[in-house]
Amino acid sequence: MISTSARLLRLVSLLSARPSWTCRELAAQLTVTERTVRRDIARLRELGYGVESDPGPWGGYRLRAGSRVPPLILDDEETLAVAVGLREAALSGVLGGDQAALSALLKLRQVLPRRIADRLGEMDTALVHTTRLDEPQIAPGMLLELAGACRRGERSRLAYRDREGKATARDVDPYRLVHTGRRWYFVARDVTRDEWRTFRADRVGRIQPTGHRVTFIDPPDPALLVSRSMARGAYPLYVTIRLALPVEQALRLIPPTVGTHRPEGSDATIVEIGGPDADGLAKYLLSLATPLRVLSPDDVRAALLRRTRDLFEDNAIGQPQERHGDRDTWDQASEKSSASFGRSD
């Protein structure tokens, strides 16, 4: 015979599993009398569970959707399923707001029984999150450690590798985790430099709390801080363009993680974009599929015109051997388009 508390938990689990149960069905599942079932239903109601019943021999019990959420009872397999689902949602951003999934996973991991936590740890080791080929991965355990540091608000010692791969140790005040859709960034105040910094979460080797609690008086917008940091990354080349769009539309076309924006009047925006080389920047500008003017530098402007010319010739009417005969047509089109691309005469 199971204890009363265990039986009540089992009863809640049964009521949650399907829309309705008869008293006889519940008694058979719990191996008790129907009188015991009715007494247990009364106890659940006293605890705040909204259990409704239909009269008559064919009536049954069901949980009512109410304004108060009672304790959620999950068995081992259900707990693992929820934890794994939250883990994948946090890593992939499939829910859009991955912070909620990460926060829920962190709370769940803190209260899991040891037997389930051990199984989840084994699954964390076995499961692999599929990412872009050029996207570095972060271990779920490290992600949870960083999230925990942010929740505790406790100064920590951070073992970190910079972009050159050099190992450093930083004293930081953890604040937030930001997911950009490709990578996780750890936002914290660098204690030594006394400034807010963003750290690539996949470059964090270890984070160790110091026991010193911190309070933030005027913290920055973490998403904006990450966006500006990404847009101003260490690129070998930058292009400055003018879009005939107000800044709100320009931001939708070129996100703040890609370029820095400043309005030029009410109907134009100047955008600075970093890239690996002139041809790569020209390729990106063409992908925008919108009129623009390259203000600087000249080599990006030349690469853009070269790519545009090649695209025109590859799609000109006629056989491939006739493509050079279309040069006059291209020159005429090029003169008309030079204003849009900012070509210098």
C-alpha atoms as a PDB file:
ATOM      1  CA  MET A   1       0.000   0.000   0.000  1.00  0.00           C
ATOM      2  CA  ILE A   2       1.494   3.339  -1.014  1.00  0.00           C
ATOM      3  CA  SER A   3       1.426   6.324   1.336  1.00  0.00           C
ATOM      4  CA  THR A   4      -1.302   8.948   1.167  1.00  0.00           C
ATOM      5  CA  SER A   5       1.026  11.665  -0.165  1.00  0.00           C
ATOM      6  CA  ALA A   6       2.405   9.381  -2.872  1.00  0.00           C
ATOM      7  CA  ARG A   7      -1.118   8.354  -3.786  1.00  0.00           C
ATOM      8  CA  LEU A   8      -2.205  11.976  -4.098  1.00  0.00           C
ATOM      9  CA  LEU A   9       0.712  12.692  -6.440  1.00  0.00           C
ATOM     10  CA  ARG A  10      -0.210   9.656  -8.495  1.00  0.00           C
ATOM     11  CA  LEU A  11      -3.831  10.835  -8.601  1.00  0.00           C
ATOM     12  CA  VAL A  12      -2.800  14.260  -9.901  1.00  0.00           C
ATOM     13  CA  SER A  13      -0.676  12.602 -12.549  1.00  0.00           C
ATOM     14  CA  LEU A  14      -3.615  10.461 -13.684  1.00  0.00           C
ATOM     15  CA  LEU A  15      -6.011  13.428 -13.813  1.00  0.00           C
ATOM     16  CA  SER A  16      -3.474  15.335 -15.913  1.00  0.00           C
ATOM     17  CA  ALA A  17      -3.026  12.466 -18.341  1.00  0.00           C
ATOM     18  CA  ARG A  18      -6.479  12.549 -19.948  1.00  0.00           C
ATOM     19  CA  PRO A  19      -9.652  14.710 -19.952  1.00  0.00           C
ATOM     20  CA  SER A  20     -11.817  12.584 -17.636  1.00  0.00           C
ATOM     21  CA  TRP A  21     -11.767   9.531 -15.340  1.00  0.00           C
ATOM     22  CA  THR A  22     -14.629   7.683 -13.656  1.00  0.00           C
ATOM     23  CA  CYS A  23     -14.304   6.970  -9.966  1.00  0.00           C
ATOM     24  CA  ARG A  24     -14.094   3.247 -10.701  1.00  0.00           C
ATOM     25  CA  GLU A  25     -11.270   3.727 -13.202  1.00  0.00           C
ATOM     26  CA  LEU A  26      -9.253   5.787 -10.735  1.00  0.00           C
ATOM     27  CA  ALA A  27      -9.792   3.221  -7.985  1.00  0.00           C
ATOM     28  CA  ALA A  28      -8.518   0.469 -10.265  1.00  0.00           C
ATOM     29  CA  GLN A  29      -5.429   2.475 -11.238  1.00  0.00           C
ATOM     30  CA  LEU A  30      -4.590   3.304  -7.612  1.00  0.00           C
ATOM     31  CA  THR A  31      -5.609  -0.104  -6.218  1.00  0.00           C
ATOM     32  CA  VAL A  32      -7.887   1.476  -3.622  1.00  0.00           C
ATOM     33  CA  THR A  33     -11.618   1.671  -2.974  1.00  0.00           C
ATOM     34  CA  GLU A  34     -13.876   4.217  -4.649  1.00  0.00           C
ATOM     35  CA  ARG A  35     -14.499   5.721  -1.204  1.00  0.00           C
ATOM     36  CA  THR A  36     -10.740   6.374  -0.884  1.00  0.00           C
ATOM     37  CA  VAL A  37     -10.739   8.022  -4.311  1.00  0.00           C
ATOM     38  CA  ARG A  38     -13.538  10.395  -3.279  1.00  0.00           C
ATOM     39  CA  ARG A  39     -11.678  11.246  -0.062  1.00  0.00           C
ATOM     40  CA  ASP A  40      -8.453  11.907  -1.990  1.00  0.00           C
ATOM     41  CA  ILE A  41     -10.322  14.136  -4.469  1.00  0.00           C
ATOM     42  CA  ALA A  42     -11.567  16.187  -1.513  1.00  0.00           C
ATOM     43  CA  ARG A  43      -7.978  16.572  -0.234  1.00  0.00           C
ATOM     44  CA  LEU A  44      -6.807  17.763  -3.644  1.00  0.00           C
ATOM     45  CA  ARG A  45      -9.533  20.402  -3.696  1.00  0.00           C
ATOM     46  CA  GLU A  46      -8.395  21.604  -0.263  1.00  0.00           C
ATOM     47  CA  LEU A  47      -4.858  21.951  -1.684  1.00  0.00           C
ATOM     48  CA  GLY A  48      -6.090  24.217  -4.473  1.00  0.00           C
ATOM     49  CA  TYR A  49      -6.532  21.773  -7.353  1.00  0.00           C
ATOM     50  CA  GLY A  50      -9.596  22.557  -9.437  1.00  0.00           C
ATOM     51  CA  VAL A  51     -11.128  19.075  -9.720  1.00  0.00           C
ATOM     52  CA  GLU A  52     -14.590  19.017 -11.280  1.00  0.00           C
ATOM     53  CA  SER A  53     -17.012  16.096 -11.155  1.00  0.00           C
ATOM     54  CA  ASP A  54     -20.106  15.013 -13.072  1.00  0.00           C
ATOM     55  CA  PRO A  55     -22.919  13.340 -11.090  1.00  0.00           C
ATOM     56  CA  GLY A  56     -24.393   9.923 -11.824  1.00  0.00           C
ATOM     57  CA  PRO A  57     -22.950   6.436 -12.299  1.00  0.00           C
ATOM     58  CA  TRP A  58     -21.283   7.443 -15.562  1.00  0.00           C
ATOM     59  CA  GLY A  59     -19.932  10.706 -14.249  1.00  0.00           C
ATOM     60  CA  GLY A  60     -16.259  11.353 -13.857  1.00  0.00           C
ATOM     61  CA  TYR A  61     -13.504  13.601 -12.500  1.00  0.00           C
ATOM     62  CA  ARG A  62     -11.402  16.076 -14.459  1.00  0.00           C
ATOM     63  CA  LEU A  63      -8.987  18.917 -13.781  1.00  0.00           C
ATOM     64  CA  ARG A  64     -10.417  22.368 -14.429  1.00  0.00           C
ATOM     65  CA  ALA A  65      -8.351  25.005 -16.219  1.00  0.00           C
ATOM     66  CA  GLY A  66      -8.215  27.706 -13.558  1.00  0.00           C
ATOM     67  CA  SER A  67      -6.343  30.875 -12.677  1.00  0.00           C
ATOM     68  CA  ARG A  68      -4.115  29.101 -10.171  1.00  0.00           C
ATOM     69  CA  VAL A  69      -1.437  26.693 -11.331  1.00  0.00           C
ATOM     70  CA  PRO A  70      -1.038  23.768  -8.887  1.00  0.00           C
ATOM     71  CA  PRO A  71       2.244  21.908  -8.470  1.00  0.00           C
ATOM     72  CA  LEU A  72       3.180  20.050 -11.648  1.00  0.00           C
ATOM     73  CA  ILE A  73       3.799  16.340 -11.213  1.00  0.00           C
ATOM     74  CA  LEU A  74       6.082  14.645 -13.747  1.00  0.00           C
ATOM     75  CA  ASP A  75       7.514  11.161 -13.762  1.00  0.00           C
ATOM     76  CA  ASP A  76      11.184  10.533 -14.605  1.00  0.00           C
ATOM     77  CA  GLU A  77      10.682  10.150 -18.352  1.00  0.00           C
ATOM     78  CA  GLU A  78       8.467  13.245 -18.554  1.00  0.00           C
ATOM     79  CA  THR A  79      11.024  15.285 -16.612  1.00  0.00           C
ATOM     80  CA  LEU A  80      13.785  14.234 -18.985  1.00  0.00           C
ATOM     81  CA  ALA A  81      11.612  15.080 -21.980  1.00  0.00           C
ATOM     82  CA  VAL A  82      10.878  18.568 -20.616  1.00  0.00           C
ATOM     83  CA  ALA A  83      14.535  19.229 -19.775  1.00  0.00           C
ATOM     84  CA  VAL A  84      15.799  18.097 -23.171  1.00  0.00           C
ATOM     85  CA  GLY A  85      13.088  20.123 -24.922  1.00  0.00           C
ATOM     86  CA  LEU A  86      14.024  23.256 -22.978  1.00  0.00           C
ATOM     87  CA  ARG A  87      17.704  22.660 -23.717  1.00  0.00           C
ATOM     88  CA  GLU A  88      17.134  22.437 -27.455  1.00  0.00           C
ATOM     89  CA  ALA A  89      14.787  25.453 -27.412  1.00  0.00           C
ATOM     90  CA  ALA A  90      17.420  27.544 -25.625  1.00  0.00           C
ATOM     91  CA  LEU A  91      20.235  26.499 -27.965  1.00  0.00           C
ATOM     92  CA  SER A  92      18.298  26.816 -31.206  1.00  0.00           C
ATOM     93  CA  GLY A  93      16.155  29.859 -30.405  1.00  0.00           C
ATOM     94  CA  VAL A  94      13.199  28.038 -31.970  1.00  0.00           C
ATOM     95  CA  LEU A  95      10.802  29.798 -29.582  1.00  0.00           C
ATOM     96  CA  GLY A  96      12.132  33.218 -30.481  1.00  0.00           C
ATOM     97  CA  GLY A  97      12.685  34.303 -26.873  1.00  0.00           C
ATOM     98  CA  ASP A  98      15.255  31.724 -25.814  1.00  0.00           C
ATOM     99  CA  GLN A  99      15.894  33.479 -22.476  1.00  0.00           C
ATOM    100  CA  ALA A 100      12.624  32.079 -21.081  1.00  0.00           C
ATOM    101  CA  ALA A 101      13.588  28.534 -22.095  1.00  0.00           C
ATOM    102  CA  LEU A 102      17.050  28.928 -20.581  1.00  0.00           C
ATOM    103  CA  SER A 103      15.653  30.350 -17.347  1.00  0.00           C
ATOM    104  CA  ALA A 104      13.128  27.516 -17.050  1.00  0.00           C
ATOM    105  CA  LEU A 105      15.854  24.931 -17.700  1.00  0.00           C
ATOM    106  CA  LEU A 106      18.076  26.488 -15.048  1.00  0.00           C
ATOM    107  CA  LYS A 107      15.272  26.329 -12.454  1.00  0.00           C
ATOM    108  CA  LEU A 108      14.463  22.753 -13.389  1.00  0.00           C
ATOM    109  CA  ARG A 109      18.086  21.587 -13.133  1.00  0.00           C
ATOM    110  CA  GLN A 110      18.360  23.040  -9.625  1.00  0.00           C
ATOM    111  CA  VAL A 111      15.512  20.907  -8.220  1.00  0.00           C
ATOM    112  CA  LEU A 112      15.996  17.650 -10.116  1.00  0.00           C
ATOM    113  CA  PRO A 113      16.526  14.491  -8.078  1.00  0.00           C
ATOM    114  CA  ARG A 114      20.057  13.155  -8.387  1.00  0.00           C
ATOM    115  CA  ARG A 115      19.005  10.112 -10.419  1.00  0.00           C
ATOM    116  CA  ILE A 116      17.346  12.307 -13.065  1.00  0.00           C
ATOM    117  CA  ALA A 117      20.117  14.936 -13.052  1.00  0.00           C
ATOM    118  CA  ASP A 118      22.672  12.184 -13.729  1.00  0.00           C
ATOM    119  CA  ARG A 119      20.642  10.866 -16.672  1.00  0.00           C
ATOM    120  CA  LEU A 120      20.247  14.377 -18.057  1.00  0.00           C
ATOM    121  CA  GLY A 121      23.990  14.879 -17.793  1.00  0.00           C
ATOM    122  CA  GLU A 122      24.525  11.686 -19.783  1.00  0.00           C
ATOM    123  CA  MET A 123      22.102  12.936 -22.451  1.00  0.00           C
ATOM    124  CA  ASP A 124      23.884  16.317 -22.571  1.00  0.00           C
ATOM    125  CA  THR A 125      27.072  14.452 -23.406  1.00  0.00           C
ATOM    126  CA  ALA A 126      25.420  12.327 -26.071  1.00  0.00           C
ATOM    127  CA  LEU A 127      23.215  14.906 -27.790  1.00  0.00           C
ATOM    128  CA  VAL A 128      24.738  17.237 -30.377  1.00  0.00           C
ATOM    129  CA  HIS A 129      23.102  20.508 -31.437  1.00  0.00           C
ATOM    130  CA  THR A 130      23.323  20.966 -35.204  1.00  0.00           C
ATOM    131  CA  THR A 131      24.663  24.407 -36.101  1.00  0.00           C
ATOM    132  CA  ARG A 132      26.039  26.277 -39.072  1.00  0.00           C
ATOM    133  CA  LEU A 133      29.421  25.017 -40.196  1.00  0.00           C
ATOM    134  CA  ASP A 134      31.043  28.327 -39.292  1.00  0.00           C
ATOM    135  CA  GLU A 135      29.289  28.607 -35.925  1.00  0.00           C
ATOM    136  CA  PRO A 136      31.254  27.501 -32.853  1.00  0.00           C
ATOM    137  CA  GLN A 137      29.328  25.432 -30.330  1.00  0.00           C
ATOM    138  CA  ILE A 138      28.919  25.970 -26.608  1.00  0.00           C
ATOM    139  CA  ALA A 139      28.413  23.161 -24.122  1.00  0.00           C
ATOM    140  CA  PRO A 140      24.957  23.221 -22.481  1.00  0.00           C
ATOM    141  CA  GLY A 141      26.622  22.945 -19.066  1.00  0.00           C
ATOM    142  CA  MET A 142      28.630  26.135 -19.639  1.00  0.00           C
ATOM    143  CA  LEU A 143      25.521  27.929 -20.873  1.00  0.00           C
ATOM    144  CA  LEU A 144      23.759  27.018 -17.625  1.00  0.00           C
ATOM    145  CA  GLU A 145      26.767  28.124 -15.551  1.00  0.00           C
ATOM    146  CA  LEU A 146      26.746  31.551 -17.222  1.00  0.00           C
ATOM    147  CA  ALA A 147      22.987  31.848 -16.783  1.00  0.00           C
ATOM    148  CA  GLY A 148      23.341  30.920 -13.112  1.00  0.00           C
ATOM    149  CA  ALA A 149      26.022  33.565 -12.627  1.00  0.00           C
ATOM    150  CA  CYS A 150      23.684  36.183 -14.104  1.00  0.00           C
ATOM    151  CA  ARG A 151      20.832  35.097 -11.825  1.00  0.00           C
ATOM    152  CA  ARG A 152      22.996  35.184  -8.682  1.00  0.00           C
ATOM    153  CA  GLY A 153      24.433  38.636  -9.398  1.00  0.00           C
ATOM    154  CA  GLU A 154      27.776  37.572  -7.926  1.00  0.00           C
ATOM    155  CA  ARG A 155      31.212  38.781  -9.017  1.00  0.00           C
ATOM    156  CA  SER A 156      33.082  36.001 -10.790  1.00  0.00           C
ATOM    157  CA  ARG A 157      36.499  35.101 -12.157  1.00  0.00           C
ATOM    158  CA  LEU A 158      36.248  34.415 -15.895  1.00  0.00           C
ATOM    159  CA  ALA A 159      38.722  32.265 -17.835  1.00  0.00           C
ATOM    160  CA  TYR A 160      38.478  33.536 -21.399  1.00  0.00           C
ATOM    161  CA  ARG A 161      40.181  33.264 -24.806  1.00  0.00           C
ATOM    162  CA  ASP A 162      40.264  36.414 -26.915  1.00  0.00           C
ATOM    163  CA  ARG A 163      39.940  36.482 -30.724  1.00  0.00           C
ATOM    164  CA  GLU A 164      43.659  35.713 -31.101  1.00  0.00           C
ATOM    165  CA  GLY A 165      43.287  32.658 -28.861  1.00  0.00           C
ATOM    166  CA  LYS A 166      45.185  34.224 -25.952  1.00  0.00           C
ATOM    167  CA  ALA A 167      44.041  32.962 -22.539  1.00  0.00           C
ATOM    168  CA  THR A 168      43.102  35.680 -20.042  1.00  0.00           C
ATOM    169  CA  ALA A 169      41.523  35.880 -16.609  1.00  0.00           C
ATOM    170  CA  ARG A 170      38.946  38.594 -15.923  1.00  0.00           C
ATOM    171  CA  ASP A 171      37.052  39.664 -12.823  1.00  0.00           C
ATOM    172  CA  VAL A 172      33.525  40.401 -14.036  1.00  0.00           C
ATOM    173  CA  ASP A 173      30.097  41.270 -12.712  1.00  0.00           C
ATOM    174  CA  PRO A 174      27.718  38.993 -14.706  1.00  0.00           C
ATOM    175  CA  TYR A 175      24.562  40.598 -16.046  1.00  0.00           C
ATOM    176  CA  ARG A 176      22.851  38.900 -19.014  1.00  0.00           C
ATOM    177  CA  LEU A 177      23.157  36.301 -21.787  1.00  0.00           C
ATOM    178  CA  VAL A 178      22.202  37.411 -25.303  1.00  0.00           C
ATOM    179  CA  HIS A 179      21.501  35.089 -28.240  1.00  0.00           C
ATOM    180  CA  THR A 180      21.877  36.684 -31.673  1.00  0.00           C
ATOM    181  CA  GLY A 181      20.474  33.747 -33.643  1.00  0.00           C
ATOM    182  CA  ARG A 182      23.977  32.457 -34.350  1.00  0.00           C
ATOM    183  CA  ARG A 183      25.947  32.834 -31.137  1.00  0.00           C
ATOM    184  CA  TRP A 184      25.568  33.391 -27.394  1.00  0.00           C
ATOM    185  CA  TYR A 185      27.166  36.480 -25.845  1.00  0.00           C
ATOM    186  CA  PHE A 186      27.853  36.991 -22.136  1.00  0.00           C
ATOM    187  CA  VAL A 187      27.320  40.600 -21.022  1.00  0.00           C
ATOM    188  CA  ALA A 188      29.200  41.646 -17.895  1.00  0.00           C
ATOM    189  CA  ARG A 189      31.018  44.583 -16.340  1.00  0.00           C
ATOM    190  CA  ASP A 190      34.794  44.214 -16.500  1.00  0.00           C
ATOM    191  CA  VAL A 191      35.849  45.132 -12.965  1.00  0.00           C
ATOM    192  CA  THR A 192      39.458  46.025 -13.797  1.00  0.00           C
ATOM    193  CA  ARG A 193      38.571  48.260 -16.750  1.00  0.00           C
ATOM    194  CA  ASP A 194      35.362  49.496 -15.117  1.00  0.00           C
ATOM    195  CA  GLU A 195      33.392  49.170 -18.354  1.00  0.00           C
ATOM    196  CA  TRP A 196      30.660  47.009 -19.823  1.00  0.00           C
ATOM    197  CA  ARG A 197      31.914  44.285 -22.125  1.00  0.00           C
ATOM    198  CA  THR A 198      30.525  41.489 -24.288  1.00  0.00           C
ATOM    199  CA  PHE A 199      32.188  38.069 -24.268  1.00  0.00           C
ATOM    200  CA  ARG A 200      31.651  35.257 -26.771  1.00  0.00           C
ATOM    201  CA  ALA A 201      30.151  32.510 -24.630  1.00  0.00           C
ATOM    202  CA  ASP A 202      31.854  29.776 -26.670  1.00  0.00           C
ATOM    203  CA  ARG A 203      35.242  31.271 -25.698  1.00  0.00           C
ATOM    204  CA  VAL A 204      34.580  31.020 -21.955  1.00  0.00           C
ATOM    205  CA  GLY A 205      36.601  28.217 -20.403  1.00  0.00           C
ATOM    206  CA  ARG A 206      35.462  28.555 -16.792  1.00  0.00           C
ATOM    207  CA  ILE A 207      33.505  30.899 -14.540  1.00  0.00           C
ATOM    208  CA  GLN A 208      34.060  30.821 -10.790  1.00  0.00           C
ATOM    209  CA  PRO A 209      32.011  32.858  -8.271  1.00  0.00           C
ATOM    210  CA  THR A 210      33.899  34.908  -5.678  1.00  0.00           C
ATOM    211  CA  GLY A 211      31.130  35.322  -3.115  1.00  0.00           C
ATOM    212  CA  HIS A 212      30.965  39.099  -3.604  1.00  0.00           C
ATOM    213  CA  ARG A 213      27.428  40.266  -4.388  1.00  0.00           C
ATOM    214  CA  VAL A 214      27.013  43.184  -6.802  1.00  0.00           C
ATOM    215  CA  THR A 215      24.229  45.656  -7.502  1.00  0.00           C
ATOM    216  CA  PHE A 216      23.801  47.434 -10.836  1.00  0.00           C
ATOM    217  CA  ILE A 217      22.627  51.040 -10.681  1.00  0.00           C
ATOM    218  CA  ASP A 218      22.307  51.871 -14.379  1.00  0.00           C
ATOM    219  CA  PRO A 219      22.977  48.768 -16.499  1.00  0.00           C
ATOM    220  CA  PRO A 220      22.992  49.037 -20.313  1.00  0.00           C
ATOM    221  CA  ASP A 221      20.575  47.463 -22.760  1.00  0.00           C
ATOM    222  CA  PRO A 222      22.346  44.095 -23.224  1.00  0.00           C
ATOM    223  CA  ALA A 223      20.949  43.403 -26.708  1.00  0.00           C
ATOM    224  CA  LEU A 224      21.958  46.869 -27.934  1.00  0.00           C
ATOM    225  CA  LEU A 225      25.412  46.489 -26.421  1.00  0.00           C
ATOM    226  CA  VAL A 226      25.950  43.184 -28.252  1.00  0.00           C
ATOM    227  CA  SER A 227      24.626  44.619 -31.522  1.00  0.00           C
ATOM    228  CA  ARG A 228      27.020  47.564 -31.406  1.00  0.00           C
ATOM    229  CA  SER A 229      29.929  45.334 -30.443  1.00  0.00           C
ATOM    230  CA  MET A 230      29.283  42.987 -33.363  1.00  0.00           C
ATOM    231  CA  ALA A 231      28.859  45.813 -35.878  1.00  0.00           C
ATOM    232  CA  ARG A 232      32.137  47.393 -34.753  1.00  0.00           C
ATOM    233  CA  GLY A 233      34.113  44.174 -34.812  1.00  0.00           C
ATOM    234  CA  ALA A 234      37.718  44.031 -35.997  1.00  0.00           C
ATOM    235  CA  TYR A 235      37.192  43.818 -39.770  1.00  0.00           C
ATOM    236  CA  PRO A 236      40.041  44.517 -42.194  1.00  0.00           C
ATOM    237  CA  LEU A 237      37.827  46.732 -44.375  1.00  0.00           C
ATOM    238  CA  TYR A 238      34.758  48.942 -43.950  1.00  0.00           C
ATOM    239  CA  VAL A 239      32.406  50.412 -46.522  1.00  0.00           C
ATOM    240  CA  THR A 240      30.249  53.475 -46.022  1.00  0.00           C
ATOM    241  CA  ILE A 241      27.024  53.612 -48.025  1.00  0.00           C
ATOM    242  CA  ARG A 242      24.034  55.910 -48.331  1.00  0.00           C
ATOM    243  CA  LEU A 243      20.552  54.406 -48.458  1.00  0.00           C
ATOM    244  CA  ALA A 244      17.587  56.456 -49.652  1.00  0.00           C
ATOM    245  CA  LEU A 245      15.594  55.124 -46.699  1.00  0.00           C
ATOM    246  CA  PRO A 246      14.675  56.518 -43.294  1.00  0.00           C
ATOM    247  CA  VAL A 247      16.673  54.995 -40.481  1.00  0.00           C
ATOM    248  CA  GLU A 248      13.793  52.756 -39.332  1.00  0.00           C
ATOM    249  CA  GLN A 249      13.624  51.037 -42.728  1.00  0.00           C
ATOM    250  CA  ALA A 250      17.407  50.927 -43.019  1.00  0.00           C
ATOM    251  CA  LEU A 251      17.597  49.048 -39.718  1.00  0.00           C
ATOM    252  CA  ARG A 252      15.156  46.466 -41.020  1.00  0.00           C
ATOM    253  CA  LEU A 253      17.233  46.021 -44.171  1.00  0.00           C
ATOM    254  CA  ILE A 254      20.643  45.989 -42.462  1.00  0.00           C
ATOM    255  CA  PRO A 255      20.372  44.875 -38.815  1.00  0.00           C
ATOM    256  CA  PRO A 256      22.357  46.724 -36.145  1.00  0.00           C
ATOM    257  CA  THR A 257      24.522  43.602 -35.675  1.00  0.00           C
ATOM    258  CA  VAL A 258      25.822  44.113 -39.233  1.00  0.00           C
ATOM    259  CA  GLY A 259      26.254  47.882 -39.562  1.00  0.00           C
ATOM    260  CA  THR A 260      26.201  51.145 -37.645  1.00  0.00           C
ATOM    261  CA  HIS A 261      23.547  53.621 -38.737  1.00  0.00           C
ATOM    262  CA  ARG A 262      23.145  57.368 -38.597  1.00  0.00           C
ATOM    263  CA  PRO A 263      20.281  59.306 -40.160  1.00  0.00           C
ATOM    264  CA  GLU A 264      20.920  61.855 -42.895  1.00  0.00           C
ATOM    265  CA  GLY A 265      17.814  63.950 -42.753  1.00  0.00           C
ATOM    266  CA  SER A 266      14.425  62.266 -42.567  1.00  0.00           C
ATOM    267  CA  ASP A 267      14.608  60.103 -45.694  1.00  0.00           C
ATOM    268  CA  ALA A 268      18.203  58.818 -45.912  1.00  0.00           C
ATOM    269  CA  THR A 269      20.615  56.830 -43.764  1.00  0.00           C
ATOM    270  CA  ILE A 270      24.396  56.478 -43.743  1.00  0.00           C
ATOM    271  CA  VAL A 271      25.506  52.933 -42.874  1.00  0.00           C
ATOM    272  CA  GLU A 272      29.014  51.634 -42.163  1.00  0.00           C
ATOM    273  CA  ILE A 273      29.550  47.894 -42.719  1.00  0.00           C
ATOM    274  CA  GLY A 274      32.638  45.806 -42.038  1.00  0.00           C
ATOM    275  CA  GLY A 275      33.767  42.844 -44.107  1.00  0.00           C
ATOM    276  CA  PRO A 276      36.676  40.597 -45.072  1.00  0.00           C
ATOM    277  CA  ASP A 277      37.558  42.284 -48.383  1.00  0.00           C
ATOM    278  CA  ALA A 278      36.214  44.517 -51.151  1.00  0.00           C
ATOM    279  CA  ASP A 279      34.670  41.654 -53.143  1.00  0.00           C
ATOM    280  CA  GLY A 280      32.922  40.206 -50.092  1.00  0.00           C
ATOM    281  CA  LEU A 281      31.432  43.590 -49.238  1.00  0.00           C
ATOM    282  CA  ALA A 282      30.328  44.084 -52.852  1.00  0.00           C
ATOM    283  CA  LYS A 283      28.602  40.703 -52.769  1.00  0.00           C
ATOM    284  CA  TYR A 284      26.736  41.677 -49.600  1.00  0.00           C
ATOM    285  CA  LEU A 285      25.682  45.043 -51.013  1.00  0.00           C
ATOM    286  CA  LEU A 286      24.255  43.354 -54.112  1.00  0.00           C
ATOM    287  CA  SER A 287      22.291  40.960 -51.889  1.00  0.00           C
ATOM    288  CA  LEU A 288      20.446  43.945 -50.385  1.00  0.00           C
ATOM    289  CA  ALA A 289      18.630  44.382 -53.730  1.00  0.00           C
ATOM    290  CA  THR A 290      18.052  48.076 -53.158  1.00  0.00           C
ATOM    291  CA  PRO A 291      19.457  51.317 -54.655  1.00  0.00           C
ATOM    292  CA  LEU A 292      22.448  52.596 -52.718  1.00  0.00           C
ATOM    293  CA  ARG A 293      25.473  54.842 -53.119  1.00  0.00           C
ATOM    294  CA  VAL A 294      28.958  53.750 -52.070  1.00  0.00           C
ATOM    295  CA  LEU A 295      30.585  56.751 -50.407  1.00  0.00           C
ATOM    296  CA  SER A 296      33.891  55.015 -49.658  1.00  0.00           C
ATOM    297  CA  PRO A 297      36.252  53.308 -50.307  1.00  0.00           C
ATOM    298  CA  ASP A 298      36.899  53.258 -54.040  1.00  0.00           C
ATOM    299  CA  ASP A 299      37.927  49.574 -54.193  1.00  0.00           C
ATOM    300  CA  VAL A 300      34.537  48.448 -52.858  1.00  0.00           C
ATOM    301  CA  ARG A 301      32.808  50.682 -55.398  1.00  0.00           C
ATOM    302  CA  ALA A 302      34.924  49.147 -58.197  1.00  0.00           C
ATOM    303  CA  ALA A 303      34.214  45.596 -56.967  1.00  0.00           C
ATOM    304  CA  LEU A 304      30.486  46.339 -56.878  1.00  0.00           C
ATOM    305  CA  LEU A 305      30.487  47.658 -60.445  1.00  0.00           C
ATOM    306  CA  ARG A 306      32.549  44.687 -61.600  1.00  0.00           C
ATOM    307  CA  ARG A 307      30.105  42.207 -60.072  1.00  0.00           C
ATOM    308  CA  THR A 308      27.168  44.101 -61.554  1.00  0.00           C
ATOM    309  CA  ARG A 309      28.784  44.089 -64.996  1.00  0.00           C
ATOM    310  CA  ASP A 310      29.471  40.347 -64.821  1.00  0.00           C
ATOM    311  CA  LEU A 311      25.893  39.684 -63.752  1.00  0.00           C
ATOM    312  CA  PHE A 312      24.599  41.782 -66.649  1.00  0.00           C
ATOM    313  CA  GLU A 313      26.787  39.998 -69.199  1.00  0.00           C
ATOM    314  CA  ASP A 314      25.903  36.539 -67.897  1.00  0.00           C
ATOM    315  CA  ASN A 315      22.216  37.288 -68.348  1.00  0.00           C
ATOM    316  CA  ALA A 316      22.368  39.282 -71.619  1.00  0.00           C
ATOM    317  CA  ILE A 317      20.200  38.086 -74.508  1.00  0.00           C
ATOM    318  CA  GLY A 318      22.093  35.917 -77.007  1.00  0.00           C
ATOM    319  CA  GLN A 319      24.563  33.033 -77.015  1.00  0.00           C
ATOM    320  CA  PRO A 320      27.581  32.956 -74.699  1.00  0.00           C
ATOM    321  CA  GLN A 321      29.956  33.814 -77.556  1.00  0.00           C
ATOM    322  CA  GLU A 322      28.003  37.024 -78.125  1.00  0.00           C
ATOM    323  CA  ARG A 323      28.464  38.332 -74.611  1.00  0.00           C
ATOM    324  CA  HIS A 324      31.327  40.650 -75.539  1.00  0.00           C
ATOM    325  CA  GLY A 325      29.149  42.132 -78.257  1.00  0.00           C
ATOM    326  CA  ASP A 326      26.863  43.398 -75.527  1.00  0.00           C
ATOM    327  CA  ARG A 327      29.555  45.649 -74.101  1.00  0.00           C
ATOM    328  CA  ASP A 328      27.960  48.753 -75.585  1.00  0.00           C
ATOM    329  CA  THR A 329      24.650  47.804 -74.004  1.00  0.00           C
ATOM    330  CA  TRP A 330      26.387  47.328 -70.676  1.00  0.00           C
ATOM    331  CA  ASP A 331      28.185  50.660 -70.918  1.00  0.00           C
ATOM    332  CA  GLN A 332      24.874  52.408 -71.486  1.00  0.00           C
ATOM    333  CA  ALA A 333      23.266  50.622 -68.547  1.00  0.00           C
ATOM    334  CA  SER A 334      26.318  51.256 -66.415  1.00  0.00           C
ATOM    335  CA  GLU A 335      26.104  54.996 -66.998  1.00  0.00           C
ATOM    336  CA  LYS A 336      22.471  54.965 -65.906  1.00  0.00           C
ATOM    337  CA  SER A 337      23.209  52.931 -62.789  1.00  0.00           C
ATOM    338  CA  SER A 338      26.371  54.747 -61.738  1.00  0.00           C
ATOM    339  CA  ALA A 339      24.434  57.280 -59.734  1.00  0.00           C
ATOM    340  CA  SER A 340      22.764  54.519 -57.718  1.00  0.00           C
ATOM    341  CA  PHE A 341      26.071  52.848 -56.902  1.00  0.00           C
ATOM    342  CA  GLY A 342      28.017  56.063 -56.423  1.00  0.00           C
ATOM    343  CA  ARG A 343      30.441  55.587 -59.312  1.00  0.00           C
ATOM    344  CA  SER A 344      32.965  58.387 -59.730  1.00  0.00           C
ATOM    345  CA  ASP A 345      33.533  59.977 -63.135  1.00  0.00           C
END
